[in-house]
Amino acid sequence: MIFKAKAKYVSTSPQKARLVADLIKGKKVGDAVAILSFTRKKVAKTLESLLHDAVANAQSIPSAQQVDIDALKVKDVIVDMASLRTRKRTMPASLGRAFRFVRRQSHITIALEEEKRS
């Protein structure tokens, strides 16, 4: 079974978020939390919080299908650009001009999967 958690309009560019997201793809949840807690990027806290949310979603299913939290692994981390919400800003430049730049935002989705034990 797959358990998902989403975060929308995260204030970081998708390129920067993918750098951290690639670190935890395919890892067990405990290892992924350890990696994110020692990663020195701003988006690592957001991903760690989102990972805890996905684990909470896995725990909230009915008692007939209990999930072993230790057997969960990160199946996929998808980072997309929030295209409608790019914030346009200006930076002062010389000779009274102004340069325009864009503050990008991201949508992040984490999918967890229970590992098959043989």
C-alpha atoms as a PDB file:
ATOM      1  CA  MET A   1       0.000   0.000   0.000  1.00  0.00           C
ATOM      2  CA  ILE A   2       1.212   3.508  -0.799  1.00  0.00           C
ATOM      3  CA  PHE A   3       0.910   6.405   1.655  1.00  0.00           C
ATOM      4  CA  LYS A   4       1.299   9.992   0.464  1.00  0.00           C
ATOM      5  CA  ALA A   5       1.743  13.459   1.909  1.00  0.00           C
ATOM      6  CA  LYS A   6       1.813  16.753  -0.015  1.00  0.00           C
ATOM      7  CA  ALA A   7       3.121  20.229   0.695  1.00  0.00           C
ATOM      8  CA  LYS A   8       2.037  23.018  -1.615  1.00  0.00           C
ATOM      9  CA  TYR A   9       3.614  26.403  -2.270  1.00  0.00           C
ATOM     10  CA  VAL A  10       6.859  25.716  -0.403  1.00  0.00           C
ATOM     11  CA  SER A  11       9.086  28.796  -0.616  1.00  0.00           C
ATOM     12  CA  THR A  12      12.065  27.237  -2.332  1.00  0.00           C
ATOM     13  CA  SER A  13      12.930  26.596  -5.937  1.00  0.00           C
ATOM     14  CA  PRO A  14      12.281  23.109  -7.299  1.00  0.00           C
ATOM     15  CA  GLN A  15      15.926  22.746  -8.311  1.00  0.00           C
ATOM     16  CA  LYS A  16      17.134  23.264  -4.731  1.00  0.00           C
ATOM     17  CA  ALA A  17      14.426  20.984  -3.325  1.00  0.00           C
ATOM     18  CA  ARG A  18      15.315  18.179  -5.754  1.00  0.00           C
ATOM     19  CA  LEU A  19      18.908  18.200  -4.513  1.00  0.00           C
ATOM     20  CA  VAL A  20      17.716  17.215  -1.043  1.00  0.00           C
ATOM     21  CA  ALA A  21      14.879  14.986  -2.270  1.00  0.00           C
ATOM     22  CA  ASP A  22      17.311  12.818  -4.226  1.00  0.00           C
ATOM     23  CA  LEU A  23      19.180  12.054  -1.001  1.00  0.00           C
ATOM     24  CA  ILE A  24      16.245  10.158   0.522  1.00  0.00           C
ATOM     25  CA  LYS A  25      14.719   8.338  -2.458  1.00  0.00           C
ATOM     26  CA  GLY A  26      14.671   4.589  -1.883  1.00  0.00           C
ATOM     27  CA  LYS A  27      15.815   4.809   1.758  1.00  0.00           C
ATOM     28  CA  LYS A  28      14.026   3.439   4.810  1.00  0.00           C
ATOM     29  CA  VAL A  29      12.079   6.003   6.810  1.00  0.00           C
ATOM     30  CA  GLY A  30      14.472   5.924   9.782  1.00  0.00           C
ATOM     31  CA  ASP A  31      17.475   6.456   7.531  1.00  0.00           C
ATOM     32  CA  ALA A  32      15.703   9.233   5.634  1.00  0.00           C
ATOM     33  CA  VAL A  33      14.888  11.096   8.864  1.00  0.00           C
ATOM     34  CA  ALA A  34      18.518  10.801   9.959  1.00  0.00           C
ATOM     35  CA  ILE A  35      19.765  12.121   6.617  1.00  0.00           C
ATOM     36  CA  LEU A  36      17.350  15.057   6.642  1.00  0.00           C
ATOM     37  CA  SER A  37      18.130  16.011  10.242  1.00  0.00           C
ATOM     38  CA  PHE A  38      21.822  16.448   9.376  1.00  0.00           C
ATOM     39  CA  THR A  39      21.364  18.081   5.968  1.00  0.00           C
ATOM     40  CA  ARG A  40      22.230  21.770   6.061  1.00  0.00           C
ATOM     41  CA  LYS A  41      19.614  23.024   3.615  1.00  0.00           C
ATOM     42  CA  LYS A  42      16.524  25.045   4.447  1.00  0.00           C
ATOM     43  CA  VAL A  43      14.180  22.702   2.587  1.00  0.00           C
ATOM     44  CA  ALA A  44      15.387  19.701   4.634  1.00  0.00           C
ATOM     45  CA  LYS A  45      13.163  20.743   7.569  1.00  0.00           C
ATOM     46  CA  THR A  46      10.147  20.923   5.279  1.00  0.00           C
ATOM     47  CA  LEU A  47      10.900  17.493   3.816  1.00  0.00           C
ATOM     48  CA  GLU A  48      11.403  16.038   7.295  1.00  0.00           C
ATOM     49  CA  SER A  49       8.048  17.419   8.424  1.00  0.00           C
ATOM     50  CA  LEU A  50       6.408  16.062   5.281  1.00  0.00           C
ATOM     51  CA  LEU A  51       7.985  12.651   5.891  1.00  0.00           C
ATOM     52  CA  HIS A  52       6.536  12.597   9.424  1.00  0.00           C
ATOM     53  CA  ASP A  53       3.134  13.503   7.940  1.00  0.00           C
ATOM     54  CA  ALA A  54       3.328  10.579   5.518  1.00  0.00           C
ATOM     55  CA  VAL A  55       4.207   8.219   8.394  1.00  0.00           C
ATOM     56  CA  ALA A  56       1.225   9.570  10.354  1.00  0.00           C
ATOM     57  CA  ASN A  57      -0.983   8.867   7.333  1.00  0.00           C
ATOM     58  CA  ALA A  58       0.302   5.292   7.345  1.00  0.00           C
ATOM     59  CA  GLN A  59      -0.499   4.905  11.047  1.00  0.00           C
ATOM     60  CA  SER A  60      -4.033   6.284  10.706  1.00  0.00           C
ATOM     61  CA  ILE A  61      -5.441   3.394   8.666  1.00  0.00           C
ATOM     62  CA  PRO A  62      -7.929   1.015  10.346  1.00  0.00           C
ATOM     63  CA  SER A  63      -6.562  -1.552  12.770  1.00  0.00           C
ATOM     64  CA  ALA A  64      -7.349  -4.468  10.444  1.00  0.00           C
ATOM     65  CA  GLN A  65      -4.409  -3.501   8.213  1.00  0.00           C
ATOM     66  CA  GLN A  66      -1.700  -2.482  10.659  1.00  0.00           C
ATOM     67  CA  VAL A  67       1.444  -1.190   8.976  1.00  0.00           C
ATOM     68  CA  ASP A  68       4.912  -1.857  10.332  1.00  0.00           C
ATOM     69  CA  ILE A  69       6.513   1.587  10.471  1.00  0.00           C
ATOM     70  CA  ASP A  70      10.019   0.110  10.472  1.00  0.00           C
ATOM     71  CA  ALA A  71       9.271  -1.586   7.135  1.00  0.00           C
ATOM     72  CA  LEU A  72       8.281   1.649   5.365  1.00  0.00           C
ATOM     73  CA  LYS A  73      10.586   3.063   2.715  1.00  0.00           C
ATOM     74  CA  VAL A  74      10.485   6.226   0.623  1.00  0.00           C
ATOM     75  CA  LYS A  75       9.158   5.088  -2.726  1.00  0.00           C
ATOM     76  CA  ASP A  76       9.180   8.448  -4.484  1.00  0.00           C
ATOM     77  CA  VAL A  77       9.686  12.154  -3.858  1.00  0.00           C
ATOM     78  CA  ILE A  78       8.180  14.412  -6.513  1.00  0.00           C
ATOM     79  CA  VAL A  79       9.090  18.102  -6.636  1.00  0.00           C
ATOM     80  CA  ASP A  80       7.114  20.248  -9.076  1.00  0.00           C
ATOM     81  CA  MET A  81       7.113  23.970  -9.711  1.00  0.00           C
ATOM     82  CA  ALA A  82       4.117  25.966  -8.486  1.00  0.00           C
ATOM     83  CA  SER A  83       3.806  27.793 -11.776  1.00  0.00           C
ATOM     84  CA  LEU A  84       0.946  30.121 -10.876  1.00  0.00           C
ATOM     85  CA  ARG A  85       2.633  31.412  -7.762  1.00  0.00           C
ATOM     86  CA  THR A  86       6.025  32.721  -8.868  1.00  0.00           C
ATOM     87  CA  ARG A  87       6.621  35.990  -7.052  1.00  0.00           C
ATOM     88  CA  LYS A  88       8.258  38.665  -9.144  1.00  0.00           C
ATOM     89  CA  ARG A  89      10.682  40.987  -7.340  1.00  0.00           C
ATOM     90  CA  THR A  90      13.013  43.783  -8.331  1.00  0.00           C
ATOM     91  CA  MET A  91      16.583  44.431  -7.282  1.00  0.00           C
ATOM     92  CA  PRO A  92      18.051  47.946  -7.471  1.00  0.00           C
ATOM     93  CA  ALA A  93      20.788  48.338 -10.047  1.00  0.00           C
ATOM     94  CA  SER A  94      23.194  51.106 -10.961  1.00  0.00           C
ATOM     95  CA  LEU A  95      22.138  54.289 -12.765  1.00  0.00           C
ATOM     96  CA  GLY A  96      18.606  54.165 -11.363  1.00  0.00           C
ATOM     97  CA  ARG A  97      17.650  50.930 -13.086  1.00  0.00           C
ATOM     98  CA  ALA A  98      16.033  47.855 -11.604  1.00  0.00           C
ATOM     99  CA  PHE A  99      16.541  44.190 -12.433  1.00  0.00           C
ATOM    100  CA  ARG A 100      13.674  41.783 -12.161  1.00  0.00           C
ATOM    101  CA  PHE A 101      14.004  38.289 -10.678  1.00  0.00           C
ATOM    102  CA  VAL A 102      11.584  35.528  -9.776  1.00  0.00           C
ATOM    103  CA  ARG A 103      11.098  33.821  -6.425  1.00  0.00           C
ATOM    104  CA  ARG A 104      10.015  30.314  -7.272  1.00  0.00           C
ATOM    105  CA  GLN A 105       7.802  28.020  -5.207  1.00  0.00           C
ATOM    106  CA  SER A 106       7.408  24.236  -5.171  1.00  0.00           C
ATOM    107  CA  HIS A 107       4.862  21.503  -4.670  1.00  0.00           C
ATOM    108  CA  ILE A 108       6.415  18.481  -2.925  1.00  0.00           C
ATOM    109  CA  THR A 109       4.864  14.998  -2.709  1.00  0.00           C
ATOM    110  CA  ILE A 110       6.324  12.101  -0.707  1.00  0.00           C
ATOM    111  CA  ALA A 111       5.117   8.528  -1.276  1.00  0.00           C
ATOM    112  CA  LEU A 112       5.912   5.757   1.209  1.00  0.00           C
ATOM    113  CA  GLU A 113       5.621   2.042   0.529  1.00  0.00           C
ATOM    114  CA  GLU A 114       5.738  -0.937   2.849  1.00  0.00           C
ATOM    115  CA  GLU A 115       8.682  -3.194   2.070  1.00  0.00           C
ATOM    116  CA  LYS A 116       7.843  -6.796   1.452  1.00  0.00           C
ATOM    117  CA  ARG A 117       9.347  -9.055   4.091  1.00  0.00           C
ATOM    118  CA  SER A 118      10.225 -12.548   2.963  1.00  0.00           C
END
